[in-house]
C-alpha atoms as a PDB file:
ATOM      1  CA  UNK A   1      38.112  -5.343 -13.024  1.00  0.00           C
ATOM      2  CA  UNK A   2      37.912  -8.807 -12.203  1.00  0.00           C
ATOM      3  CA  UNK A   3      34.354  -9.887 -11.582  1.00  0.00           C
ATOM      4  CA  UNK A   4      33.184 -13.047  -9.691  1.00  0.00           C
ATOM      5  CA  UNK A   5      29.325 -12.510 -10.591  1.00  0.00           C
ATOM      6  CA  UNK A   6      26.692  -9.912 -11.457  1.00  0.00           C
ATOM      7  CA  UNK A   7      23.149 -10.690 -10.862  1.00  0.00           C
ATOM      8  CA  UNK A   8      19.646  -8.943 -10.012  1.00  0.00           C
ATOM      9  CA  UNK A   9      18.160  -9.881  -6.829  1.00  0.00           C
ATOM     10  CA  UNK A  10      16.368  -8.385  -3.816  1.00  0.00           C
ATOM     11  CA  UNK A  11      18.420  -6.478  -1.618  1.00  0.00           C
ATOM     12  CA  UNK A  12      18.666  -8.332   1.493  1.00  0.00           C
ATOM     13  CA  UNK A  13      20.548  -5.820   4.078  1.00  0.00           C
ATOM     14  CA  UNK A  14      21.176  -2.270   4.688  1.00  0.00           C
ATOM     15  CA  UNK A  15      18.457   0.452   4.811  1.00  0.00           C
ATOM     16  CA  UNK A  16      17.519  -0.512   1.056  1.00  0.00           C
ATOM     17  CA  UNK A  17      16.512  -3.859   2.407  1.00  0.00           C
ATOM     18  CA  UNK A  18      13.579  -5.284   0.360  1.00  0.00           C
ATOM     19  CA  UNK A  19      14.271  -3.348  -2.946  1.00  0.00           C
ATOM     20  CA  UNK A  20      15.303  -4.971  -6.458  1.00  0.00           C
ATOM     21  CA  UNK A  21      19.099  -4.476  -6.706  1.00  0.00           C
ATOM     22  CA  UNK A  22      21.714  -5.237  -9.245  1.00  0.00           C
ATOM     23  CA  UNK A  23      24.768  -6.890  -7.538  1.00  0.00           C
ATOM     24  CA  UNK A  24      28.433  -6.782  -8.756  1.00  0.00           C
ATOM     25  CA  UNK A  25      30.440  -8.938  -6.954  1.00  0.00           C
ATOM     26  CA  UNK A  26      34.298  -8.354  -7.346  1.00  0.00           C
ATOM     27  CA  UNK A  27      36.994 -10.861  -6.687  1.00  0.00           C
ATOM     28  CA  UNK A  28      39.281 -11.221  -3.773  1.00  0.00           C
ATOM     29  CA  UNK A  29      39.503  -9.925  -0.316  1.00  0.00           C
ATOM     30  CA  UNK A  30      42.270  -8.705   1.917  1.00  0.00           C
ATOM     31  CA  UNK A  31      40.592 -10.247   5.034  1.00  0.00           C
ATOM     32  CA  UNK A  32      39.595 -13.763   6.024  1.00  0.00           C
ATOM     33  CA  UNK A  33      36.684 -13.471   8.099  1.00  0.00           C
ATOM     34  CA  UNK A  34      35.776 -16.676  10.142  1.00  0.00           C
ATOM     35  CA  UNK A  35      32.093 -16.597   9.113  1.00  0.00           C
ATOM     36  CA  UNK A  36      32.706 -15.598   5.328  1.00  0.00           C
ATOM     37  CA  UNK A  37      29.818 -16.925   3.114  1.00  0.00           C
ATOM     38  CA  UNK A  38      31.573 -15.870  -0.053  1.00  0.00           C
ATOM     39  CA  UNK A  39      34.660 -17.711  -0.043  1.00  0.00           C
ATOM     40  CA  UNK A  40      34.127 -18.441  -3.774  1.00  0.00           C
ATOM     41  CA  UNK A  41      34.859 -14.549  -4.573  1.00  0.00           C
ATOM     42  CA  UNK A  42      38.385 -15.699  -5.599  1.00  0.00           C
ATOM     43  CA  UNK A  43      36.901 -17.134  -8.958  1.00  0.00           C
ATOM     44  CA  UNK A  44      37.376 -14.818 -11.874  1.00  0.00           C
ATOM     45  CA  UNK A  45      34.400 -15.219 -14.224  1.00  0.00           C
ATOM     46  CA  UNK A  46      34.466 -11.782 -15.944  1.00  0.00           C
ATOM     47  CA  UNK A  47      37.054  -9.355 -16.601  1.00  0.00           C
ATOM     48  CA  UNK A  48      35.588  -6.097 -17.654  1.00  0.00           C
ATOM     49  CA  UNK A  49      36.680  -2.287 -17.978  1.00  0.00           C
ATOM     50  CA  UNK A  50      34.403   0.280 -16.619  1.00  0.00           C
ATOM     51  CA  UNK A  51      32.445   1.072 -19.972  1.00  0.00           C
ATOM     52  CA  UNK A  52      31.908  -2.672 -20.519  1.00  0.00           C
ATOM     53  CA  UNK A  53      30.580  -3.245 -17.103  1.00  0.00           C
ATOM     54  CA  UNK A  54      28.099  -0.345 -17.242  1.00  0.00           C
ATOM     55  CA  UNK A  55      27.029  -1.926 -20.724  1.00  0.00           C
ATOM     56  CA  UNK A  56      26.679  -5.320 -19.121  1.00  0.00           C
ATOM     57  CA  UNK A  57      24.390  -4.047 -16.423  1.00  0.00           C
ATOM     58  CA  UNK A  58      21.954  -2.147 -18.706  1.00  0.00           C
ATOM     59  CA  UNK A  59      20.182  -5.441 -19.448  1.00  0.00           C
ATOM     60  CA  UNK A  60      18.735  -4.981 -15.780  1.00  0.00           C
ATOM     61  CA  UNK A  61      17.002  -2.017 -16.955  1.00  0.00           C
ATOM     62  CA  UNK A  62      14.885  -0.221 -15.405  1.00  0.00           C
ATOM     63  CA  UNK A  63      16.603  -1.346 -12.116  1.00  0.00           C
ATOM     64  CA  UNK A  64      18.849   1.739 -11.040  1.00  0.00           C
ATOM     65  CA  UNK A  65      19.793   0.509  -7.569  1.00  0.00           C
ATOM     66  CA  UNK A  66      23.237  -1.142  -7.739  1.00  0.00           C
ATOM     67  CA  UNK A  67      25.383  -2.835  -5.117  1.00  0.00           C
ATOM     68  CA  UNK A  68      29.433  -3.139  -5.496  1.00  0.00           C
ATOM     69  CA  UNK A  69      30.355  -5.770  -3.246  1.00  0.00           C
ATOM     70  CA  UNK A  70      32.808  -8.544  -2.851  1.00  0.00           C
ATOM     71  CA  UNK A  71      35.230  -9.931  -1.818  1.00  0.00           C
ATOM     72  CA  UNK A  72      36.427  -6.383  -1.110  1.00  0.00           C
ATOM     73  CA  UNK A  73      35.228  -3.985  -3.936  1.00  0.00           C
ATOM     74  CA  UNK A  74      38.011  -1.475  -2.874  1.00  0.00           C
ATOM     75  CA  UNK A  75      40.773  -3.470  -4.009  1.00  0.00           C
ATOM     76  CA  UNK A  76      39.595  -2.617  -7.579  1.00  0.00           C
ATOM     77  CA  UNK A  77      41.777   0.477  -8.581  1.00  0.00           C
ATOM     78  CA  UNK A  78      38.976   1.776 -10.965  1.00  0.00           C
ATOM     79  CA  UNK A  79      36.187   1.494  -8.563  1.00  0.00           C
ATOM     80  CA  UNK A  80      36.162   5.447  -7.851  1.00  0.00           C
ATOM     81  CA  UNK A  81      35.945   6.081 -11.486  1.00  0.00           C
ATOM     82  CA  UNK A  82      33.036   3.358 -11.793  1.00  0.00           C
ATOM     83  CA  UNK A  83      31.190   5.106  -9.037  1.00  0.00           C
ATOM     84  CA  UNK A  84      31.347   8.496 -10.727  1.00  0.00           C
ATOM     85  CA  UNK A  85      30.282   7.068 -14.047  1.00  0.00           C
ATOM     86  CA  UNK A  86      27.321   5.169 -12.463  1.00  0.00           C
ATOM     87  CA  UNK A  87      26.285   8.125 -10.678  1.00  0.00           C
ATOM     88  CA  UNK A  88      26.334  10.256 -13.868  1.00  0.00           C
ATOM     89  CA  UNK A  89      24.122   7.794 -15.498  1.00  0.00           C
ATOM     90  CA  UNK A  90      21.454   8.024 -12.804  1.00  0.00           C
ATOM     91  CA  UNK A  91      22.081   4.897 -10.753  1.00  0.00           C
ATOM     92  CA  UNK A  92      21.814   4.724  -7.150  1.00  0.00           C
ATOM     93  CA  UNK A  93      25.179   3.168  -5.783  1.00  0.00           C
ATOM     94  CA  UNK A  94      25.825   1.270  -2.751  1.00  0.00           C
ATOM     95  CA  UNK A  95      29.405  -0.179  -1.719  1.00  0.00           C
ATOM     96  CA  UNK A  96      29.707  -2.934   0.966  1.00  0.00           C
ATOM     97  CA  UNK A  97      33.183  -2.609   2.345  1.00  0.00           C
ATOM     98  CA  UNK A  98      34.972  -4.586   5.117  1.00  0.00           C
ATOM     99  CA  UNK A  99      35.962  -1.267   6.534  1.00  0.00           C
ATOM    100  CA  UNK A 100      39.639  -1.820   6.544  1.00  0.00           C
ATOM    101  CA  UNK A 101      40.583   0.196   3.428  1.00  0.00           C
ATOM    102  CA  UNK A 102      40.275   4.074   3.070  1.00  0.00           C
ATOM    103  CA  UNK A 103      37.120   5.479   1.756  1.00  0.00           C
ATOM    104  CA  UNK A 104      38.603   8.827   0.781  1.00  0.00           C
ATOM    105  CA  UNK A 105      38.129   8.411  -2.772  1.00  0.00           C
ATOM    106  CA  UNK A 106      34.558   7.466  -3.058  1.00  0.00           C
ATOM    107  CA  UNK A 107      32.261   9.762  -4.363  1.00  0.00           C
ATOM    108  CA  UNK A 108      30.264  11.316  -1.562  1.00  0.00           C
ATOM    109  CA  UNK A 109      26.898  10.423  -3.313  1.00  0.00           C
ATOM    110  CA  UNK A 110      27.537   6.732  -2.768  1.00  0.00           C
ATOM    111  CA  UNK A 111      25.797   4.895  -0.133  1.00  0.00           C
ATOM    112  CA  UNK A 112      28.645   3.175   1.957  1.00  0.00           C
ATOM    113  CA  UNK A 113      27.765   0.112   4.065  1.00  0.00           C
ATOM    114  CA  UNK A 114      30.892  -0.094   6.043  1.00  0.00           C
ATOM    115  CA  UNK A 115      31.669  -3.309   8.381  1.00  0.00           C
ATOM    116  CA  UNK A 116      33.169  -2.814  11.724  1.00  0.00           C
ATOM    117  CA  UNK A 117      34.549  -6.433  12.256  1.00  0.00           C
ATOM    118  CA  UNK A 118      33.952  -7.846  15.615  1.00  0.00           C
ATOM    119  CA  UNK A 119      36.440 -10.094  17.628  1.00  0.00           C
ATOM    120  CA  UNK A 120      34.825 -13.577  16.553  1.00  0.00           C
ATOM    121  CA  UNK A 121      35.451 -12.515  12.923  1.00  0.00           C
ATOM    122  CA  UNK A 122      39.145 -13.153  13.379  1.00  0.00           C
ATOM    123  CA  UNK A 123      39.791  -9.706  12.099  1.00  0.00           C
ATOM    124  CA  UNK A 124      38.564  -7.478  14.975  1.00  0.00           C
ATOM    125  CA  UNK A 125      41.569  -5.128  14.650  1.00  0.00           C
ATOM    126  CA  UNK A 126      40.965  -4.474  10.919  1.00  0.00           C
ATOM    127  CA  UNK A 127      38.873  -1.301  11.096  1.00  0.00           C
ATOM    128  CA  UNK A 128      40.408   1.920   9.784  1.00  0.00           C
ATOM    129  CA  UNK A 129      39.217   4.534  12.449  1.00  0.00           C
ATOM    130  CA  UNK A 130      39.754   7.182   9.622  1.00  0.00           C
ATOM    131  CA  UNK A 131      36.763   5.817   7.863  1.00  0.00           C
ATOM    132  CA  UNK A 132      34.547   7.336  10.433  1.00  0.00           C
ATOM    133  CA  UNK A 133      35.138  10.539   8.826  1.00  0.00           C
ATOM    134  CA  UNK A 134      33.512   9.317   5.696  1.00  0.00           C
ATOM    135  CA  UNK A 135      30.451   7.709   7.295  1.00  0.00           C
ATOM    136  CA  UNK A 136      27.453  10.102   6.855  1.00  0.00           C
ATOM    137  CA  UNK A 137      24.450   8.728   9.014  1.00  0.00           C
ATOM    138  CA  UNK A 138      21.947  10.117   6.551  1.00  0.00           C
ATOM    139  CA  UNK A 139      23.194   8.367   3.626  1.00  0.00           C
ATOM    140  CA  UNK A 140      25.661   5.430   4.818  1.00  0.00           C
ATOM    141  CA  UNK A 141      25.429   2.319   7.151  1.00  0.00           C
ATOM    142  CA  UNK A 142      27.759   1.283   9.788  1.00  0.00           C
ATOM    143  CA  UNK A 143      27.415  -2.563  10.179  1.00  0.00           C
ATOM    144  CA  UNK A 144      28.291  -4.901  12.986  1.00  0.00           C
ATOM    145  CA  UNK A 145      28.028  -8.817  12.126  1.00  0.00           C
ATOM    146  CA  UNK A 146      27.763 -10.513  15.509  1.00  0.00           C
ATOM    147  CA  UNK A 147      28.467 -14.113  16.296  1.00  0.00           C
ATOM    148  CA  UNK A 148      28.304 -14.188  20.203  1.00  0.00           C
ATOM    149  CA  UNK A 149      27.739 -11.848  23.252  1.00  0.00           C
ATOM    150  CA  UNK A 150      31.418 -11.084  23.092  1.00  0.00           C
ATOM    151  CA  UNK A 151      30.773  -9.308  19.785  1.00  0.00           C
ATOM    152  CA  UNK A 152      27.792  -7.737  20.847  1.00  0.00           C
ATOM    153  CA  UNK A 153      29.667  -6.117  23.857  1.00  0.00           C
ATOM    154  CA  UNK A 154      32.373  -5.062  21.545  1.00  0.00           C
ATOM    155  CA  UNK A 155      29.858  -3.440  19.147  1.00  0.00           C
ATOM    156  CA  UNK A 156      27.952  -1.870  21.981  1.00  0.00           C
ATOM    157  CA  UNK A 157      31.407  -0.407  23.367  1.00  0.00           C
ATOM    158  CA  UNK A 158      32.414   0.749  20.153  1.00  0.00           C
ATOM    159  CA  UNK A 159      29.140   2.726  19.722  1.00  0.00           C
ATOM    160  CA  UNK A 160      29.801   4.650  22.995  1.00  0.00           C
ATOM    161  CA  UNK A 161      33.543   5.214  22.369  1.00  0.00           C
ATOM    162  CA  UNK A 162      32.803   7.014  19.061  1.00  0.00           C
ATOM    163  CA  UNK A 163      29.426   8.552  19.754  1.00  0.00           C
ATOM    164  CA  UNK A 164      27.715   6.600  17.039  1.00  0.00           C
ATOM    165  CA  UNK A 165      23.737   5.482  17.161  1.00  0.00           C
ATOM    166  CA  UNK A 166      20.804   5.660  15.163  1.00  0.00           C
ATOM    167  CA  UNK A 167      18.875   3.896  12.323  1.00  0.00           C
ATOM    168  CA  UNK A 168      21.809   4.011  10.271  1.00  0.00           C
ATOM    169  CA  UNK A 169      23.819   1.736  12.542  1.00  0.00           C
ATOM    170  CA  UNK A 170      23.142  -2.004  11.594  1.00  0.00           C
ATOM    171  CA  UNK A 171      23.344  -5.167  14.067  1.00  0.00           C
ATOM    172  CA  UNK A 172      23.222  -8.437  12.084  1.00  0.00           C
ATOM    173  CA  UNK A 173      23.589 -11.916  13.632  1.00  0.00           C
ATOM    174  CA  UNK A 174      25.752 -14.789  12.034  1.00  0.00           C
ATOM    175  CA  UNK A 175      22.625 -17.312  11.690  1.00  0.00           C
ATOM    176  CA  UNK A 176      24.649 -20.262  12.705  1.00  0.00           C
ATOM    177  CA  UNK A 177      26.245 -18.691  15.817  1.00  0.00           C
ATOM    178  CA  UNK A 178      23.687 -16.715  17.637  1.00  0.00           C
ATOM    179  CA  UNK A 179      19.929 -16.665  17.515  1.00  0.00           C
ATOM    180  CA  UNK A 180      18.382 -13.800  15.849  1.00  0.00           C
ATOM    181  CA  UNK A 181      15.957 -13.764  19.083  1.00  0.00           C
ATOM    182  CA  UNK A 182      18.746 -13.655  21.216  1.00  0.00           C
ATOM    183  CA  UNK A 183      20.332 -10.607  19.524  1.00  0.00           C
ATOM    184  CA  UNK A 184      17.100  -9.010  19.223  1.00  0.00           C
ATOM    185  CA  UNK A 185      16.518  -9.383  23.034  1.00  0.00           C
ATOM    186  CA  UNK A 186      19.886  -7.924  24.226  1.00  0.00           C
ATOM    187  CA  UNK A 187      19.367  -4.920  21.828  1.00  0.00           C
ATOM    188  CA  UNK A 188      15.951  -4.224  23.496  1.00  0.00           C
ATOM    189  CA  UNK A 189      17.088  -5.102  26.948  1.00  0.00           C
ATOM    190  CA  UNK A 190      19.887  -2.242  26.481  1.00  0.00           C
ATOM    191  CA  UNK A 191      17.512  -0.153  24.561  1.00  0.00           C
ATOM    192  CA  UNK A 192      20.195   0.359  21.965  1.00  0.00           C
ATOM    193  CA  UNK A 193      19.483   2.927  19.334  1.00  0.00           C
ATOM    194  CA  UNK A 194      20.317   0.808  16.451  1.00  0.00           C
ATOM    195  CA  UNK A 195      18.830  -1.115  13.398  1.00  0.00           C
ATOM    196  CA  UNK A 196      18.386  -4.973  14.214  1.00  0.00           C
ATOM    197  CA  UNK A 197      18.374  -6.758  10.672  1.00  0.00           C
ATOM    198  CA  UNK A 198      18.205 -10.149   9.201  1.00  0.00           C
ATOM    199  CA  UNK A 199      19.966 -11.306   5.906  1.00  0.00           C
ATOM    200  CA  UNK A 200      16.507 -11.196   4.031  1.00  0.00           C
ATOM    201  CA  UNK A 201      17.838 -13.226   1.052  1.00  0.00           C
ATOM    202  CA  UNK A 202      18.736 -16.072   3.277  1.00  0.00           C
ATOM    203  CA  UNK A 203      15.234 -16.471   4.128  1.00  0.00           C
ATOM    204  CA  UNK A 204      13.809 -16.067   0.611  1.00  0.00           C
ATOM    205  CA  UNK A 205      16.442 -18.604  -0.878  1.00  0.00           C
ATOM    206  CA  UNK A 206      18.650 -21.588   0.388  1.00  0.00           C
ATOM    207  CA  UNK A 207      21.294 -19.768   2.713  1.00  0.00           C
ATOM    208  CA  UNK A 208      23.997 -21.486   0.279  1.00  0.00           C
ATOM    209  CA  UNK A 209      22.503 -20.381  -3.115  1.00  0.00           C
ATOM    210  CA  UNK A 210      24.773 -18.158  -5.135  1.00  0.00           C
ATOM    211  CA  UNK A 211      23.440 -15.318  -7.327  1.00  0.00           C
ATOM    212  CA  UNK A 212      20.994 -14.129  -5.060  1.00  0.00           C
END
């Protein structure tokens, strides 16, 4: 598996926000979002097989929360096997995926953070609707990264069309495109049943800092 970086930080997003978490960033992505903050994911800095990777992350003991991210982690053929082995070893596993690739093979015990790309991302038609079959609100998150009011309306209409709502649905603003206050006010004005979130790590550290 081609890996860009592995590090221990504070989980900045999702319903696990605020918890110490091991991050494994895999290389490459099949999408090219306009606001991507990890363009460097193409850099291959480690190549490890499943067992080598598990041995590597043991140095962060006793932390047992781990997020597999990218890039797009589902591009790694060995990812389902990695998830199974991590779960067998007592890890709580999160996958952050762009929503365009099929989640069928992922262990049902994995916490999936599934992006639905909005129009201003440039990838607004990329979401694989079949993945809604694998979205379990009591375990997973459905995430909308919002750049504008156009994106907000898109996300709101998606929720209505597919009968999705609740605290497992995340609305997150792109910090240099829409003010957090504006997005929060839109959510409260429309009384949406969603969770507003900030990228916590970008408030703790410099927004451009890597490895956090």
